[in-house]
Protein backbone atom coordinates (compact mmCIF):
# COMPACT_ATOMS: atom_id res chain seq x y z
CA UNK A 1 5.40 7.28 29.17
CA UNK A 2 7.31 4.49 28.01
CA UNK A 3 11.14 4.13 27.98
CA UNK A 4 12.48 1.92 25.17
CA UNK A 5 15.64 0.70 23.57
CA UNK A 6 16.43 -0.54 20.47
CA UNK A 7 15.41 -3.97 21.40
CA UNK A 8 11.92 -3.10 21.23
CA UNK A 9 9.53 -5.73 23.18
CA UNK A 10 6.52 -4.79 21.16
CA UNK A 11 4.06 -7.25 19.66
CA UNK A 12 1.54 -7.16 17.22
CA UNK A 13 -2.17 -8.79 17.90
CA UNK A 14 -4.03 -10.29 15.08
CA UNK A 15 -7.50 -10.49 15.74
CA UNK A 16 -10.18 -12.31 13.63
CA UNK A 17 -12.09 -9.57 11.76
CA UNK A 18 -14.55 -10.86 9.05
CA UNK A 19 -15.51 -14.48 7.77
CA UNK A 20 -13.25 -13.54 4.56
CA UNK A 21 -10.05 -14.17 6.20
CA UNK A 22 -9.25 -11.00 7.67
CA UNK A 23 -7.56 -9.78 10.99
CA UNK A 24 -7.71 -6.55 12.77
CA UNK A 25 -4.19 -5.77 13.91
CA UNK A 26 -3.59 -4.10 17.11
CA UNK A 27 0.02 -2.94 18.69
CA UNK A 28 0.52 -4.80 22.16
CA UNK A 29 3.04 -3.61 24.74
CA UNK A 30 3.10 -6.28 27.13
CA UNK A 31 3.92 -5.92 31.36
CA UNK A 32 6.09 -7.97 33.48
CA UNK A 33 3.98 -10.72 34.87
CA UNK A 34 4.90 -9.69 38.29
CA UNK A 35 2.71 -6.42 38.14
CA UNK A 36 -0.79 -5.94 38.37
CA UNK A 37 -0.79 -3.58 35.10
CA UNK A 38 -2.37 -4.47 31.66
CA UNK A 39 -0.73 -5.27 29.07
CA UNK A 40 -1.30 -1.77 26.79
CA UNK A 41 -2.93 -2.34 23.45
CA UNK A 42 -3.15 0.28 20.71
CA UNK A 43 -5.74 -0.52 18.01
CA UNK A 44 -5.04 0.20 14.22
CA UNK A 45 -7.57 0.59 11.51
CA UNK A 46 -5.07 -1.88 9.57
CA UNK A 47 -6.33 -5.17 8.41
CA UNK A 48 -4.12 -8.42 7.46
CA UNK A 49 -5.27 -11.13 5.14
CA UNK A 50 -4.58 -14.40 7.20
CA UNK A 51 -2.15 -16.71 5.68
CA UNK A 52 -4.24 -19.67 6.08
CA UNK A 53 -7.98 -20.27 7.58
CA UNK A 54 -7.05 -21.66 10.83
CA UNK A 55 -5.28 -18.13 11.75
CA UNK A 56 -8.51 -16.19 10.39
CA UNK A 57 -10.39 -17.93 12.97
CA UNK A 58 -8.26 -17.72 15.97
CA UNK A 59 -5.76 -14.85 15.25
CA UNK A 60 -2.34 -15.09 16.48
CA UNK A 61 0.43 -13.01 18.43
CA UNK A 62 3.87 -12.11 16.43
CA UNK A 63 6.89 -10.08 17.70
CA UNK A 64 8.14 -6.89 16.08
CA UNK A 65 10.77 -7.88 13.25
CA UNK A 66 13.99 -5.91 12.53
CA UNK A 67 12.01 -3.91 9.91
CA UNK A 68 9.19 -2.79 11.77
CA UNK A 69 11.64 -1.60 14.93
CA UNK A 70 13.66 -0.10 12.29
CA UNK A 71 10.92 1.90 10.68
CA UNK A 72 9.10 2.93 13.92
CA UNK A 73 12.40 4.60 15.27
CA UNK A 74 13.13 6.34 12.16
CA UNK A 75 9.95 8.12 12.11
CA UNK A 76 9.84 8.66 16.08
CA UNK A 77 13.16 10.27 15.66
CA UNK A 78 12.11 12.61 12.66
CA UNK A 79 8.85 13.73 14.67
CA UNK A 80 11.01 14.12 17.67
CA UNK A 81 13.70 15.99 15.69
CA UNK A 82 16.27 13.69 17.43
CA UNK A 83 19.83 13.44 15.33
CA UNK A 84 20.51 9.90 14.79
CA UNK A 85 24.18 10.32 15.75
CA UNK A 86 23.38 11.92 19.20
CA UNK A 87 20.52 9.59 20.48
CA UNK A 88 20.60 8.56 23.57
CA UNK A 89 20.84 4.58 24.13
CA UNK A 90 17.03 4.81 25.48
CA UNK A 91 13.75 7.03 24.66
CA UNK A 92 10.78 7.90 26.38
CA UNK A 93 7.43 7.38 24.85
CA UNK A 94 4.19 9.04 25.62
CA UNK A 95 1.89 6.15 23.98
CA UNK A 96 -0.57 8.22 24.14
CA UNK A 97 0.57 10.80 21.95
CA UNK A 98 -1.08 11.29 18.33
CA UNK A 99 1.86 11.35 16.82
CA UNK A 100 2.94 8.23 17.93
CA UNK A 101 -0.45 6.68 17.60
CA UNK A 102 -0.04 7.54 13.89
CA UNK A 103 3.74 6.08 13.83
CA UNK A 104 2.02 2.82 15.05
CA UNK A 105 -0.38 3.03 12.37
CA UNK A 106 2.22 3.43 9.43
CA UNK A 107 4.41 0.65 10.89
CA UNK A 108 1.60 -1.67 11.22
CA UNK A 109 0.20 -0.49 7.52
CA UNK A 110 3.83 -1.13 6.10
CA UNK A 111 4.01 -4.75 7.75
CA UNK A 112 0.47 -6.11 7.24
CA UNK A 113 -1.26 -3.82 4.30
CA UNK A 114 -1.64 -4.93 0.87
CA UNK A 115 -0.39 -2.41 -1.80
CA UNK A 116 -2.72 -0.80 -4.39
CA UNK A 117 -1.19 -0.33 -7.73
CA UNK A 118 -0.75 3.25 -8.75
CA UNK A 119 -1.93 2.92 -12.23
CA UNK A 120 -4.61 5.89 -13.45
CA UNK A 121 -4.24 7.01 -9.57
CA UNK A 122 -1.31 9.23 -10.21
CA UNK A 123 -0.61 12.41 -12.94
CA UNK A 124 2.34 11.34 -15.22
CA UNK A 125 5.50 11.96 -13.95
CA UNK A 126 7.01 15.31 -14.90
CA UNK A 127 10.70 15.51 -15.43
CA UNK A 128 10.28 19.02 -14.28
CA UNK A 129 9.77 18.66 -10.91
CA UNK A 130 13.28 18.75 -8.77
CA UNK A 131 14.77 15.42 -8.18
CA UNK A 132 13.66 13.96 -4.33
CA UNK A 133 16.39 12.06 -2.39
CA UNK A 134 14.53 9.57 -0.26
CA UNK A 135 15.25 6.55 1.89
CA UNK A 136 13.05 4.05 3.70
CA UNK A 137 11.30 6.36 6.68
CA UNK A 138 10.95 9.43 4.39
CA UNK A 139 8.00 11.87 4.55
CA UNK A 140 6.72 12.60 0.84
CA UNK A 141 4.14 13.84 -2.05
CA UNK A 142 2.35 12.28 -4.32
CA UNK A 143 0.74 14.05 -7.16
CA UNK A 144 -2.66 13.04 -8.02
CA UNK A 145 -5.63 14.60 -10.08
CA UNK A 146 -6.90 16.00 -7.05
CA UNK A 147 -3.90 17.36 -5.68
CA UNK A 148 -1.20 16.22 -3.76
CA UNK A 149 -1.20 13.80 -0.94
CA UNK A 150 1.03 13.35 1.80
CA UNK A 151 2.73 9.57 2.27
CA UNK A 152 5.83 7.96 3.97
CA UNK A 153 8.33 5.67 1.94
CA UNK A 154 8.03 2.35 3.77
CA UNK A 155 10.09 -0.04 0.97
CA UNK A 156 12.09 0.37 -1.72
CA UNK A 157 13.14 -2.30 -4.77
CA UNK A 158 15.38 -1.13 -7.65
CA UNK A 159 12.03 1.80 -9.49
CA UNK A 160 9.47 0.44 -7.17
CA UNK A 161 8.59 2.43 -4.17
CA UNK A 162 5.99 1.46 -1.48
CA UNK A 163 4.32 4.05 0.14
CA UNK A 164 1.78 4.50 3.21
CA UNK A 165 -0.74 7.26 2.42
CA UNK A 166 -1.30 9.83 4.84
CA UNK A 167 -4.26 11.26 3.25
CA UNK A 168 -7.48 9.85 1.84
CA UNK A 169 -7.14 9.87 -1.88
CA UNK A 170 -10.64 9.97 -3.97
CA UNK A 171 -10.62 7.58 -7.49
CA UNK A 172 -13.23 8.26 -9.94
CA UNK A 173 -13.51 5.46 -12.70
CA UNK A 174 -15.90 6.12 -15.27
CA UNK A 175 -19.17 6.75 -13.25
CA UNK A 176 -17.94 4.98 -10.03
CA UNK A 177 -16.40 7.04 -7.26
CA UNK A 178 -13.92 4.69 -4.99
CA UNK A 179 -11.95 6.39 -1.95
CA UNK A 180 -8.25 4.94 -1.08
CA UNK A 181 -7.91 5.86 2.69
CA UNK A 182 -5.14 6.67 4.76
CA UNK A 183 -2.54 4.16 6.04
CA UNK A 184 -3.67 2.16 2.71
CA UNK A 185 -0.42 1.28 0.72
CA UNK A 186 0.18 2.24 -3.05
CA UNK A 187 2.90 1.06 -5.24
CA UNK A 188 4.73 3.90 -7.37
CA UNK A 189 7.54 4.55 -9.14
CA UNK A 190 10.81 6.80 -7.91
CA UNK A 191 10.02 9.28 -10.07
CA UNK A 192 6.56 9.53 -8.88
CA UNK A 193 7.51 10.07 -5.35
CA UNK A 194 8.26 14.04 -4.48
CA UNK A 195 9.13 16.37 -1.58
CA UNK A 196 6.68 16.47 1.00
CA UNK A 197 6.65 20.14 0.75
CA UNK A 198 4.52 19.85 -2.41
CA UNK A 199 1.73 18.34 -0.31
CA UNK A 200 1.87 20.59 2.99
CA UNK A 201 1.12 23.62 0.49
CA UNK A 202 -1.12 21.22 -2.17
CA UNK A 203 0.23 23.22 -5.16
CA UNK A 204 3.82 23.25 -6.44
CA UNK A 205 5.82 24.99 -3.82
CA UNK A 206 7.54 28.44 -4.38
CA UNK A 207 10.95 27.02 -3.87
CA UNK A 208 10.47 23.99 -6.43
CA UNK A 209 12.06 25.86 -9.25
CA UNK A 210 11.95 23.85 -12.59
CA UNK A 211 15.27 22.91 -14.60
């Protein structure tokens, strides 16, 4: 269990992963130097394309930026059903909790992943679906030819929305079959983003009245 405030002392460690310039991304929680406890490291499935050749060979350590912190806290508050207006100044987290580890994966993907375009991956936006009001950190659904998939909104710019997938997606292209994986990024349009209940039921929810 770790106690944190809004000023989270978390780090990202980027380690060389391949000769193609990719680095694996891990979260590091540094421990006080006067203690004998080792820094806590949580590996993620996210790969980052290094900004230059030297970093792809030696790796680097980065502090979490404010966007990382804000997204992390928003997701933690939702998972723990904490009302933002009544949250105490500190929060105790179990960093071995699978839900917290998944949130760390989402934040890593948002910060270091490269977004796929959604062209050909989603069903055409349907104006009959109820409008979903969302923000960064909102859970949502995407309508794909193979069914609804879960995602988290991690960036919004005008009509463009970047989501982190929470499900794998199978993509058929002619005779080839590709898979876009959980924690990959997908660039979609606002109309593509639907209420999370769609993916939870894998079909149109009974509460989703057409209008």
